[in-house]
Protein backbone atom coordinates (compact mmCIF):
# COMPACT_ATOMS: atom_id res chain seq x y z
CA MET A 1 -158.25 -114.45 -9.65
CA GLY A 2 -155.75 -112.23 -11.47
CA LEU A 3 -153.15 -110.00 -9.94
CA MET A 4 -155.29 -106.90 -10.43
CA ASP A 5 -158.20 -108.55 -8.61
CA LYS A 6 -155.98 -109.26 -5.58
CA HIS A 7 -154.76 -105.67 -5.70
CA ALA A 8 -158.34 -104.38 -5.72
CA VAL A 9 -159.20 -106.50 -2.65
CA ILE A 10 -156.31 -104.95 -0.71
CA GLU A 11 -157.31 -101.42 -1.76
CA LYS A 12 -160.95 -101.90 -0.77
CA ASN A 13 -160.21 -103.44 2.64
CA ALA A 14 -158.68 -100.67 4.78
CA THR A 15 -157.71 -103.03 7.60
CA LEU A 16 -155.87 -105.37 5.25
CA LEU A 17 -154.11 -102.40 3.64
CA LEU A 18 -153.07 -101.07 7.07
CA VAL A 19 -151.78 -104.46 8.22
CA GLY A 20 -149.87 -104.92 4.96
CA SER A 21 -148.35 -101.44 5.21
CA LEU A 22 -147.29 -101.98 8.82
CA LEU A 23 -145.77 -105.33 7.89
CA VAL A 24 -143.74 -103.80 5.06
CA VAL A 25 -142.53 -100.89 7.24
CA THR A 26 -141.61 -103.27 10.08
CA VAL A 27 -139.60 -105.57 7.82
CA GLY A 28 -137.84 -102.56 6.27
CA GLY A 29 -136.98 -101.16 9.70
CA ILE A 30 -135.62 -104.48 10.92
CA VAL A 31 -133.51 -104.88 7.77
CA GLU A 32 -131.99 -101.43 8.30
CA ILE A 33 -131.52 -101.47 12.08
CA ALA A 34 -130.70 -105.10 12.93
CA PRO A 35 -127.23 -105.17 11.29
CA LEU A 36 -126.12 -102.31 13.55
CA PHE A 37 -126.39 -104.60 16.59
CA TYR A 38 -123.95 -107.06 15.05
CA LEU A 39 -121.24 -104.53 14.19
CA ASP A 40 -118.39 -104.19 16.67
CA ASN A 41 -118.26 -100.44 16.33
CA THR A 42 -120.37 -98.16 14.14
CA ILE A 43 -118.17 -95.11 14.80
CA GLU A 44 -114.67 -95.04 13.39
CA LYS A 45 -111.81 -93.78 15.56
CA VAL A 46 -110.10 -90.71 14.13
CA GLU A 47 -106.57 -89.75 15.08
CA GLY A 48 -106.22 -86.36 16.70
CA MET A 49 -109.80 -86.24 18.00
CA ARG A 50 -110.25 -85.10 21.56
CA PRO A 51 -113.29 -84.19 23.63
CA TYR A 52 -114.28 -80.53 23.71
CA SER A 53 -113.01 -78.52 26.66
CA PRO A 54 -115.77 -77.00 28.84
CA LEU A 55 -115.22 -73.59 27.23
CA GLU A 56 -115.36 -75.04 23.71
CA LEU A 57 -118.49 -76.98 24.58
CA ALA A 58 -120.19 -73.87 25.96
CA GLY A 59 -119.27 -71.98 22.79
CA ARG A 60 -120.59 -74.78 20.59
CA ASN A 61 -123.87 -74.83 22.52
CA ILE A 62 -124.29 -71.07 21.97
CA TYR A 63 -123.40 -71.50 18.27
CA VAL A 64 -126.13 -74.11 17.86
CA ARG A 65 -128.70 -72.36 20.09
CA GLU A 66 -128.38 -69.07 18.22
CA GLY A 67 -128.61 -70.79 14.83
CA CYS A 68 -125.18 -69.63 13.66
CA TYR A 69 -124.67 -72.93 11.84
CA LEU A 70 -127.43 -72.00 9.39
CA CYS A 71 -125.22 -69.41 7.67
CA HIS A 72 -121.73 -70.31 8.88
CA SER A 73 -121.48 -73.85 7.60
CA GLN A 74 -120.03 -75.71 4.65
CA MET A 75 -123.51 -76.70 3.54
CA ILE A 76 -124.08 -76.88 -0.21
CA ARG A 77 -126.42 -74.09 -1.22
CA PRO A 78 -128.57 -75.29 -4.12
CA PHE A 79 -130.63 -72.16 -4.67
CA ARG A 80 -129.45 -69.32 -6.88
CA ASP A 81 -130.25 -66.53 -4.40
CA GLU A 82 -128.26 -68.28 -1.66
CA VAL A 83 -125.28 -68.75 -3.96
CA GLU A 84 -125.39 -65.07 -4.95
CA ARG A 85 -125.71 -63.97 -1.32
CA TYR A 86 -123.26 -66.33 0.38
CA GLY A 87 -120.97 -67.49 -2.44
């Protein structure tokens, strides 16, 4: 039984294909997520950082709710019309 024959068996059997796909996705998820549990801290401390004041937090919530961050951000604009419009 050659490699292509084994491949054809997996393609024809939907249950086997589903189980194989779930197995691959599960292993990939574990490989990506498990190391995070063994790190002491996944967030680096930055000097000068402080929590937002209540007024700053309220302003930030409005900024996000109204969608202001869509135009007023430092996002890279890959499309020509956006570069011409926003710089």
